[in-house]
Amino acid sequence: MPDPSFSLRTPDDDSIARKICDNCGYVAYENPKIVVGSVVRHEGAILLCRRAIEPRRGFWTIPAGYLELNETPEDGAKREAREEAEADLAIERLLAVYSVPRISQVQLIYRARLQRPHFASGPESLDVRLFDPADIPFDELAFPSVHWALAHDALAEAGAPSLPFSNPSGESGNRMPDGRPVTPDES
């Protein structure tokens, strides 16, 4: 069977142009990607991974990545920690929901702890370490949402209510914490 050909047009019951099959009328919806991750604590320290992949290779991040089909967000966060840090997690609660429309992402970030005190670099990490919160290399963090998650985790650690946090006021992920615009390699 030949590949269907698609054209960009607005369905009758919609207001957004979509890719529609010229043969059968199938609408190929494009939706945001869901990212799942965790701020992982062990004995007061926070687990960070130095990225071995682009974007932002060599920068530090929390274990996180794209949710897979047929996977719960909690299971996805646990899988990402196993893949990036060979860490087994106990998810404690949802910490935050971030929206990054510039790259069509919704991020679900959890608070978690290590099930056992073992971790190591996975194939997507150059290094994995536990950092005392005062020693986190904030100038070397990969993405604005990593800064947000660490700040929100600190608030939670200090006793903030357990409602999920969201983007800091006025933040859409378009700027790094130092105020400069995010470049394509920082997405």
Protein backbone atom coordinates (compact mmCIF):
# COMPACT_ATOMS: atom_id res chain seq x y z
CA MET A 1 0.00 0.00 0.00
CA PRO A 2 1.48 3.40 -0.90
CA ASP A 3 2.26 5.92 1.82
CA PRO A 4 -0.60 8.33 2.28
CA SER A 5 0.00 11.89 1.27
CA PHE A 6 -0.82 14.56 3.81
CA SER A 7 -1.62 18.21 3.37
CA LEU A 8 -1.81 20.94 5.96
CA ARG A 9 -5.37 22.23 6.37
CA THR A 10 -7.88 23.07 9.07
CA PRO A 11 -10.54 20.42 9.78
CA ASP A 12 -14.15 21.67 9.69
CA ASP A 13 -14.59 21.27 13.45
CA ASP A 14 -11.22 22.78 14.40
CA SER A 15 -9.40 26.11 14.33
CA ILE A 16 -5.82 24.81 13.94
CA ALA A 17 -4.20 23.66 10.71
CA ARG A 18 -3.38 19.94 10.94
CA LYS A 19 -1.75 17.31 8.72
CA ILE A 20 -4.66 15.49 7.09
CA CYS A 21 -4.44 12.43 4.84
CA ASP A 22 -5.58 13.38 1.33
CA ASN A 23 -6.91 9.85 0.75
CA CYS A 24 -8.86 8.95 3.90
CA GLY A 25 -9.12 12.17 5.94
CA TYR A 26 -7.11 10.85 8.90
CA VAL A 27 -5.94 13.74 11.09
CA ALA A 28 -2.34 13.34 12.32
CA TYR A 29 -2.45 15.30 15.56
CA GLU A 30 0.85 16.58 16.92
CA ASN A 31 0.82 16.91 20.68
CA PRO A 32 3.31 18.03 23.33
CA LYS A 33 5.88 15.58 24.64
CA ILE A 34 5.67 14.53 28.28
CA VAL A 35 8.94 14.56 30.23
CA VAL A 36 9.18 12.75 33.56
CA GLY A 37 11.94 13.06 36.12
CA SER A 38 12.85 13.25 39.77
CA VAL A 39 14.75 15.26 42.29
CA VAL A 40 16.34 12.33 44.10
CA ARG A 41 17.57 12.67 47.68
CA HIS A 42 19.75 10.37 49.73
CA GLU A 43 20.77 11.31 53.27
CA GLY A 44 20.19 14.99 52.49
CA ALA A 45 22.22 14.98 49.26
CA ILE A 46 20.78 15.35 45.76
CA LEU A 47 21.55 13.02 42.84
CA LEU A 48 22.65 14.76 39.63
CA CYS A 49 23.75 13.32 36.29
CA ARG A 50 26.29 14.92 33.92
CA ARG A 51 24.76 14.57 30.45
CA ALA A 52 26.57 12.40 27.89
CA ILE A 53 24.15 13.38 25.12
CA GLU A 54 23.01 16.55 23.40
CA PRO A 55 21.47 18.90 24.07
CA ARG A 56 23.69 20.31 26.82
CA ARG A 57 26.25 17.51 26.85
CA GLY A 58 28.54 17.89 29.88
CA PHE A 59 26.01 19.84 31.95
CA TRP A 60 24.33 18.55 35.11
CA THR A 61 20.68 17.56 35.31
CA ILE A 62 18.24 15.55 37.36
CA PRO A 63 17.41 12.10 35.97
CA ALA A 64 14.62 12.77 33.48
CA GLY A 65 13.45 12.00 29.97
CA TYR A 66 10.50 11.32 27.73
CA LEU A 67 7.57 9.23 28.93
CA GLU A 68 7.10 6.09 26.83
CA LEU A 69 3.81 4.75 25.48
CA ASN A 70 1.86 2.57 27.93
CA GLU A 71 3.93 3.78 30.90
CA THR A 72 2.73 5.63 33.99
CA PRO A 73 4.57 8.88 34.77
CA GLU A 74 5.88 7.37 38.02
CA ASP A 75 7.18 4.28 36.22
CA GLY A 76 8.75 6.53 33.58
CA ALA A 77 10.57 8.57 36.23
CA LYS A 78 11.86 5.35 37.80
CA ARG A 79 12.99 4.03 34.39
CA GLU A 80 14.83 7.25 33.58
CA ALA A 81 16.70 7.06 36.90
CA ARG A 82 17.70 3.45 36.13
CA GLU A 83 18.83 4.37 32.60
CA GLU A 84 20.77 7.50 33.52
CA ALA A 85 22.03 6.69 37.02
CA GLU A 86 21.49 2.95 37.57
CA ALA A 87 19.41 4.08 40.55
CA ASP A 88 16.32 2.42 41.99
CA LEU A 89 13.86 5.02 43.25
CA ALA A 90 11.00 5.24 45.68
CA ILE A 91 8.73 8.00 44.38
CA GLU A 92 7.45 10.15 47.24
CA ARG A 93 5.17 12.66 45.53
CA LEU A 94 4.64 14.91 42.55
CA LEU A 95 6.84 17.97 43.07
CA ALA A 96 5.99 20.10 40.05
CA VAL A 97 4.33 20.36 36.65
CA TYR A 98 6.23 22.62 34.26
CA SER A 99 5.10 23.88 30.89
CA VAL A 100 7.72 24.69 28.25
CA PRO A 101 5.64 25.65 25.18
CA ARG A 102 8.64 26.79 23.14
CA ILE A 103 9.65 23.14 22.76
CA SER A 104 6.15 21.67 23.26
CA GLN A 105 6.94 19.93 26.56
CA VAL A 106 5.03 19.29 29.74
CA GLN A 107 7.32 18.12 32.54
CA LEU A 108 6.18 16.08 35.53
CA ILE A 109 8.87 16.19 38.22
CA TYR A 110 8.70 14.01 41.33
CA ARG A 111 10.42 13.98 44.70
CA ALA A 112 12.08 10.63 45.21
CA ARG A 113 14.67 8.85 47.30
CA LEU A 114 17.13 6.10 46.54
CA GLN A 115 15.78 2.66 47.41
CA ARG A 116 19.36 1.57 48.11
CA PRO A 117 22.59 3.59 48.13
CA HIS A 118 23.78 2.46 44.70
CA PHE A 119 24.14 4.58 41.58
CA ALA A 120 26.50 4.74 38.60
CA SER A 121 26.72 6.38 35.20
CA GLY A 122 24.35 4.92 32.65
CA PRO A 123 24.85 5.25 28.88
CA GLU A 124 23.37 8.78 28.84
CA SER A 125 25.54 10.07 31.71
CA LEU A 126 29.22 10.98 31.89
CA ASP A 127 29.12 11.11 35.68
CA VAL A 128 26.58 10.70 38.47
CA ARG A 129 27.09 12.20 41.93
CA LEU A 130 25.36 13.05 45.15
CA PHE A 131 25.70 16.76 45.93
CA ASP A 132 25.15 18.53 49.19
CA PRO A 133 22.56 21.20 48.29
CA ALA A 134 25.13 23.94 49.08
CA ASP A 135 27.59 22.40 46.58
CA ILE A 136 25.32 22.02 43.56
CA PRO A 137 27.07 23.50 40.48
CA PHE A 138 24.23 25.88 39.58
CA ASP A 139 26.23 27.52 36.77
CA GLU A 140 26.59 24.10 35.15
CA LEU A 141 22.94 23.01 35.22
CA ALA A 142 21.55 22.02 31.84
CA PHE A 143 18.08 23.56 31.69
CA PRO A 144 15.94 26.24 33.34
CA SER A 145 13.53 23.59 34.62
CA VAL A 146 16.38 21.86 36.52
CA HIS A 147 16.93 25.13 38.39
CA TRP A 148 13.20 25.37 39.08
CA ALA A 149 12.98 21.76 40.29
CA LEU A 150 15.91 22.15 42.68
CA ALA A 151 14.47 25.41 44.06
CA HIS A 152 11.03 23.84 44.47
CA ASP A 153 12.56 20.77 46.14
CA ALA A 154 14.34 23.05 48.61
CA LEU A 155 11.00 24.69 49.43
CA ALA A 156 9.39 21.27 49.88
CA GLU A 157 12.29 20.18 52.10
CA ALA A 158 11.69 23.31 54.20
CA GLY A 159 8.05 22.34 54.73
CA ALA A 160 6.13 23.94 51.84
CA PRO A 161 2.66 22.44 51.27
CA SER A 162 2.64 19.27 49.18
CA LEU A 163 0.70 20.79 46.28
CA PRO A 164 2.65 20.56 43.01
CA PHE A 165 4.65 23.63 42.04
CA SER A 166 4.55 25.11 38.52
CA ASN A 167 6.67 27.45 36.40
CA PRO A 168 7.99 30.38 38.43
CA SER A 169 5.95 33.52 37.84
CA GLY A 170 6.61 34.89 34.36
CA GLU A 171 8.83 31.94 33.34
CA SER A 172 8.14 29.88 30.25
CA GLY A 173 11.53 28.23 29.90
CA ASN A 174 12.63 30.82 27.32
CA ARG A 175 15.41 32.18 29.54
CA MET A 176 18.21 30.66 31.58
CA PRO A 177 18.28 31.67 35.27
CA ASP A 178 20.92 34.33 34.52
CA GLY A 179 18.40 36.08 32.23
CA ARG A 180 19.93 35.29 28.85
CA PRO A 181 17.73 33.67 26.18
CA VAL A 182 17.88 29.89 25.84
CA THR A 183 19.80 28.88 22.73
CA PRO A 184 18.93 25.81 20.61
CA ASP A 185 21.67 23.74 22.29
CA GLU A 186 20.10 24.51 25.70
CA SER A 187 16.64 23.20 24.75
